[in-house]
N, C-alpha and C. Protein backbone atom coordinates (compact mmCIF):
# COMPACT_ATOMS: atom_id res chain seq x y z
N MET A 1 0.85 -1.17 0.00
CA MET A 1 0.00 0.00 0.00
C MET A 1 0.89 1.23 0.00
N SER A 2 0.56 2.19 -0.80
CA SER A 2 1.31 3.43 -0.89
C SER A 2 1.04 4.28 0.35
N SER A 3 2.08 5.00 0.79
CA SER A 3 1.90 5.88 1.94
C SER A 3 1.65 7.32 1.49
N ALA A 4 1.45 7.52 0.18
CA ALA A 4 1.19 8.86 -0.34
C ALA A 4 -0.08 9.42 0.27
N SER A 5 -0.08 10.71 0.51
CA SER A 5 -1.22 11.39 1.11
C SER A 5 -2.38 11.46 0.12
N LEU A 6 -3.59 11.40 0.65
CA LEU A 6 -4.81 11.51 -0.16
C LEU A 6 -5.80 12.33 0.65
N THR A 7 -6.28 13.42 0.08
CA THR A 7 -7.25 14.28 0.76
C THR A 7 -8.46 14.46 -0.14
N LEU A 8 -9.63 14.12 0.38
CA LEU A 8 -10.90 14.28 -0.34
C LEU A 8 -11.89 14.93 0.61
N THR A 9 -12.82 15.71 0.08
CA THR A 9 -13.84 16.37 0.90
C THR A 9 -15.20 15.78 0.58
N MET A 10 -15.91 15.40 1.63
CA MET A 10 -17.26 14.84 1.49
C MET A 10 -18.19 15.61 2.42
N LYS A 11 -19.49 15.54 2.17
CA LYS A 11 -20.48 16.23 3.02
C LYS A 11 -21.13 15.25 3.99
N LEU A 12 -21.37 15.73 5.17
CA LEU A 12 -22.07 14.99 6.21
C LEU A 12 -23.57 15.07 5.93
N THR A 13 -24.28 13.95 6.00
CA THR A 13 -25.72 13.96 5.77
C THR A 13 -26.45 14.45 7.03
N SER A 14 -27.76 14.68 6.91
CA SER A 14 -28.55 15.12 8.05
C SER A 14 -28.60 14.05 9.15
N LYS A 15 -28.28 12.81 8.81
CA LYS A 15 -28.25 11.72 9.78
C LYS A 15 -26.86 11.54 10.40
N GLY A 16 -25.92 12.43 10.02
CA GLY A 16 -24.57 12.33 10.58
C GLY A 16 -23.71 11.30 9.87
N GLN A 17 -24.08 10.90 8.68
CA GLN A 17 -23.34 9.89 7.94
C GLN A 17 -22.50 10.54 6.85
N VAL A 18 -21.42 9.88 6.50
CA VAL A 18 -20.58 10.32 5.41
C VAL A 18 -20.17 9.08 4.60
N THR A 19 -20.12 9.23 3.29
CA THR A 19 -19.69 8.13 2.43
C THR A 19 -18.17 8.16 2.34
N ILE A 20 -17.55 7.02 2.58
CA ILE A 20 -16.11 6.92 2.39
C ILE A 20 -15.87 6.75 0.90
N PRO A 21 -15.14 7.65 0.27
CA PRO A 21 -14.94 7.57 -1.18
C PRO A 21 -14.35 6.23 -1.62
N GLN A 22 -14.75 5.79 -2.80
CA GLN A 22 -14.32 4.49 -3.32
C GLN A 22 -12.80 4.37 -3.35
N ALA A 23 -12.10 5.44 -3.73
CA ALA A 23 -10.63 5.39 -3.79
C ALA A 23 -10.03 5.04 -2.43
N ILE A 24 -10.62 5.58 -1.35
CA ILE A 24 -10.14 5.29 0.00
C ILE A 24 -10.52 3.87 0.40
N ARG A 25 -11.76 3.46 0.12
CA ARG A 25 -12.18 2.09 0.45
C ARG A 25 -11.30 1.08 -0.26
N ASP A 26 -11.00 1.33 -1.53
CA ASP A 26 -10.13 0.42 -2.28
C ASP A 26 -8.73 0.37 -1.69
N ARG A 27 -8.19 1.53 -1.39
CA ARG A 27 -6.83 1.61 -0.87
C ARG A 27 -6.68 0.90 0.47
N LEU A 28 -7.70 1.00 1.32
CA LEU A 28 -7.64 0.40 2.66
C LEU A 28 -8.27 -0.99 2.74
N GLY A 29 -8.86 -1.45 1.64
CA GLY A 29 -9.50 -2.77 1.65
C GLY A 29 -10.76 -2.79 2.49
N LEU A 30 -11.51 -1.70 2.50
CA LEU A 30 -12.76 -1.62 3.28
C LEU A 30 -13.90 -2.13 2.42
N LEU A 31 -14.42 -3.28 2.77
CA LEU A 31 -15.54 -3.89 2.07
C LEU A 31 -16.82 -3.70 2.89
N PRO A 32 -17.99 -3.92 2.29
CA PRO A 32 -19.23 -3.82 3.07
C PRO A 32 -19.15 -4.67 4.34
N ASN A 33 -19.63 -4.13 5.42
CA ASN A 33 -19.66 -4.78 6.73
C ASN A 33 -18.30 -4.91 7.41
N THR A 34 -17.28 -4.22 6.89
CA THR A 34 -15.98 -4.22 7.55
C THR A 34 -16.06 -3.32 8.78
N ALA A 35 -15.61 -3.82 9.92
CA ALA A 35 -15.58 -3.02 11.15
C ALA A 35 -14.46 -1.99 11.04
N VAL A 36 -14.75 -0.76 11.46
CA VAL A 36 -13.76 0.31 11.45
C VAL A 36 -13.67 0.96 12.82
N VAL A 37 -12.55 1.61 13.07
CA VAL A 37 -12.31 2.32 14.32
C VAL A 37 -12.16 3.81 14.00
N PHE A 38 -12.78 4.67 14.80
CA PHE A 38 -12.63 6.11 14.67
C PHE A 38 -11.74 6.59 15.80
N ASP A 39 -10.63 7.24 15.46
CA ASP A 39 -9.74 7.84 16.44
C ASP A 39 -9.88 9.36 16.33
N VAL A 40 -10.25 10.02 17.43
CA VAL A 40 -10.36 11.47 17.45
C VAL A 40 -9.06 12.01 18.05
N VAL A 41 -8.36 12.84 17.27
CA VAL A 41 -7.10 13.43 17.69
C VAL A 41 -7.22 14.94 17.48
N GLY A 42 -7.34 15.67 18.57
CA GLY A 42 -7.53 17.12 18.45
C GLY A 42 -8.83 17.41 17.72
N ASP A 43 -8.74 18.14 16.60
CA ASP A 43 -9.94 18.44 15.82
C ASP A 43 -10.02 17.59 14.56
N SER A 44 -9.34 16.44 14.58
CA SER A 44 -9.34 15.52 13.42
C SER A 44 -9.87 14.15 13.82
N VAL A 45 -10.37 13.43 12.82
CA VAL A 45 -10.83 12.06 13.02
C VAL A 45 -10.06 11.17 12.05
N ARG A 46 -9.53 10.08 12.56
CA ARG A 46 -8.85 9.09 11.73
C ARG A 46 -9.70 7.83 11.73
N ILE A 47 -9.94 7.28 10.56
CA ILE A 47 -10.70 6.04 10.43
C ILE A 47 -9.75 4.97 9.91
N ARG A 48 -9.84 3.79 10.51
CA ARG A 48 -8.99 2.68 10.09
C ARG A 48 -9.72 1.36 10.29
N LYS A 49 -9.27 0.36 9.57
CA LYS A 49 -9.87 -0.97 9.70
C LYS A 49 -9.63 -1.47 11.13
N ALA A 50 -10.65 -2.03 11.75
CA ALA A 50 -10.52 -2.52 13.12
C ALA A 50 -9.55 -3.69 13.17
N PRO A 51 -8.74 -3.74 14.24
CA PRO A 51 -7.83 -4.89 14.39
C PRO A 51 -8.64 -6.19 14.41
N GLY A 52 -8.19 -7.15 13.66
CA GLY A 52 -8.88 -8.44 13.61
C GLY A 52 -10.13 -8.44 12.76
N ALA A 53 -10.42 -7.34 12.06
CA ALA A 53 -11.61 -7.29 11.20
C ALA A 53 -11.48 -8.35 10.12
N ARG A 54 -12.53 -9.12 9.96
CA ARG A 54 -12.51 -10.19 8.97
C ARG A 54 -13.04 -9.66 7.64
N ALA A 55 -12.45 -10.17 6.59
CA ALA A 55 -12.89 -9.81 5.24
C ALA A 55 -14.18 -10.54 4.90
N ARG A 56 -14.87 -10.06 3.86
CA ARG A 56 -16.12 -10.66 3.44
C ARG A 56 -15.95 -12.14 3.12
N GLY A 57 -14.85 -12.52 2.49
CA GLY A 57 -14.59 -13.92 2.16
C GLY A 57 -14.47 -14.78 3.40
N ASP A 58 -13.87 -14.22 4.46
CA ASP A 58 -13.74 -14.95 5.71
C ASP A 58 -15.11 -15.24 6.32
N GLU A 59 -16.02 -14.27 6.22
CA GLU A 59 -17.38 -14.45 6.73
C GLU A 59 -18.10 -15.57 5.98
N LEU A 60 -17.92 -15.62 4.67
CA LEU A 60 -18.55 -16.66 3.87
C LEU A 60 -18.02 -18.04 4.23
N VAL A 61 -16.70 -18.14 4.37
CA VAL A 61 -16.09 -19.42 4.73
C VAL A 61 -16.61 -19.87 6.10
N GLN A 62 -16.67 -18.94 7.06
CA GLN A 62 -17.17 -19.29 8.39
C GLN A 62 -18.61 -19.79 8.33
N HIS A 63 -19.43 -19.14 7.50
CA HIS A 63 -20.83 -19.54 7.35
C HIS A 63 -20.95 -20.96 6.78
N LEU A 64 -20.09 -21.27 5.84
CA LEU A 64 -20.18 -22.58 5.17
C LEU A 64 -19.42 -23.69 5.89
N ARG A 65 -18.53 -23.32 6.81
CA ARG A 65 -17.72 -24.32 7.49
C ARG A 65 -18.60 -25.36 8.18
N GLY A 66 -18.34 -26.62 7.86
CA GLY A 66 -19.08 -27.73 8.46
C GLY A 66 -20.42 -28.00 7.83
N ALA A 67 -20.85 -27.20 6.86
CA ALA A 67 -22.16 -27.38 6.25
C ALA A 67 -22.26 -28.69 5.48
N ALA A 68 -21.16 -29.15 4.92
CA ALA A 68 -21.19 -30.37 4.11
C ALA A 68 -21.34 -31.62 4.96
N THR A 69 -21.01 -31.54 6.24
CA THR A 69 -21.11 -32.72 7.10
C THR A 69 -22.17 -32.56 8.17
N GLY A 70 -22.83 -31.45 8.20
CA GLY A 70 -23.79 -31.13 9.25
C GLY A 70 -25.03 -31.99 9.24
N ARG A 71 -25.30 -32.68 8.15
CA ARG A 71 -26.50 -33.51 8.08
C ARG A 71 -26.23 -34.96 8.44
N GLY A 72 -25.03 -35.24 8.95
CA GLY A 72 -24.71 -36.60 9.36
C GLY A 72 -24.35 -37.51 8.19
N ARG A 73 -24.24 -36.94 7.01
CA ARG A 73 -23.84 -37.74 5.85
C ARG A 73 -23.05 -36.85 4.91
N GLY A 74 -22.37 -37.44 3.97
CA GLY A 74 -21.65 -36.65 2.98
C GLY A 74 -22.65 -36.00 2.04
N MET A 75 -22.21 -34.96 1.36
CA MET A 75 -23.07 -34.26 0.43
C MET A 75 -22.53 -34.43 -0.98
N THR A 76 -23.43 -34.38 -1.94
CA THR A 76 -23.03 -34.44 -3.33
C THR A 76 -22.45 -33.10 -3.75
N THR A 77 -21.74 -33.09 -4.85
CA THR A 77 -21.20 -31.84 -5.38
C THR A 77 -22.31 -30.84 -5.65
N ASP A 78 -23.42 -31.31 -6.20
CA ASP A 78 -24.54 -30.41 -6.48
C ASP A 78 -25.10 -29.79 -5.20
N GLU A 79 -25.16 -30.55 -4.13
CA GLU A 79 -25.66 -30.02 -2.84
C GLU A 79 -24.70 -28.96 -2.29
N ILE A 80 -23.40 -29.21 -2.42
CA ILE A 80 -22.42 -28.25 -1.93
C ILE A 80 -22.49 -26.97 -2.75
N LEU A 81 -22.58 -27.08 -4.07
CA LEU A 81 -22.68 -25.90 -4.91
C LEU A 81 -23.96 -25.13 -4.64
N ALA A 82 -25.04 -25.82 -4.33
CA ALA A 82 -26.29 -25.15 -3.99
C ALA A 82 -26.12 -24.30 -2.74
N LEU A 83 -25.34 -24.77 -1.76
CA LEU A 83 -25.08 -24.01 -0.54
C LEU A 83 -24.33 -22.71 -0.85
N THR A 84 -23.41 -22.75 -1.80
CA THR A 84 -22.64 -21.55 -2.11
C THR A 84 -23.48 -20.51 -2.84
N ARG A 85 -24.63 -20.91 -3.35
CA ARG A 85 -25.49 -19.98 -4.08
C ARG A 85 -26.57 -19.38 -3.21
N GLU A 86 -26.65 -19.78 -1.96
CA GLU A 86 -27.68 -19.25 -1.06
C GLU A 86 -27.44 -17.82 -0.72
């Protein structure tokens, strides 16, 4: 990851929300449902990926882990593929 500075300006919504620009999400690997930490330092806020935050792929693997043997029998390839499409 490049350490080059990046400054972008966004507007705060009436609900107090702000969209993290795609360039920043891409650079930091922030995917939907990624936990983030807000650090307030003086009059600035720093946002970073939470320590131990799992990626979307990790969540999927955790969801499917043990699914093929959970019914007390082996599963066919078609049954396993059907699970990945849920």
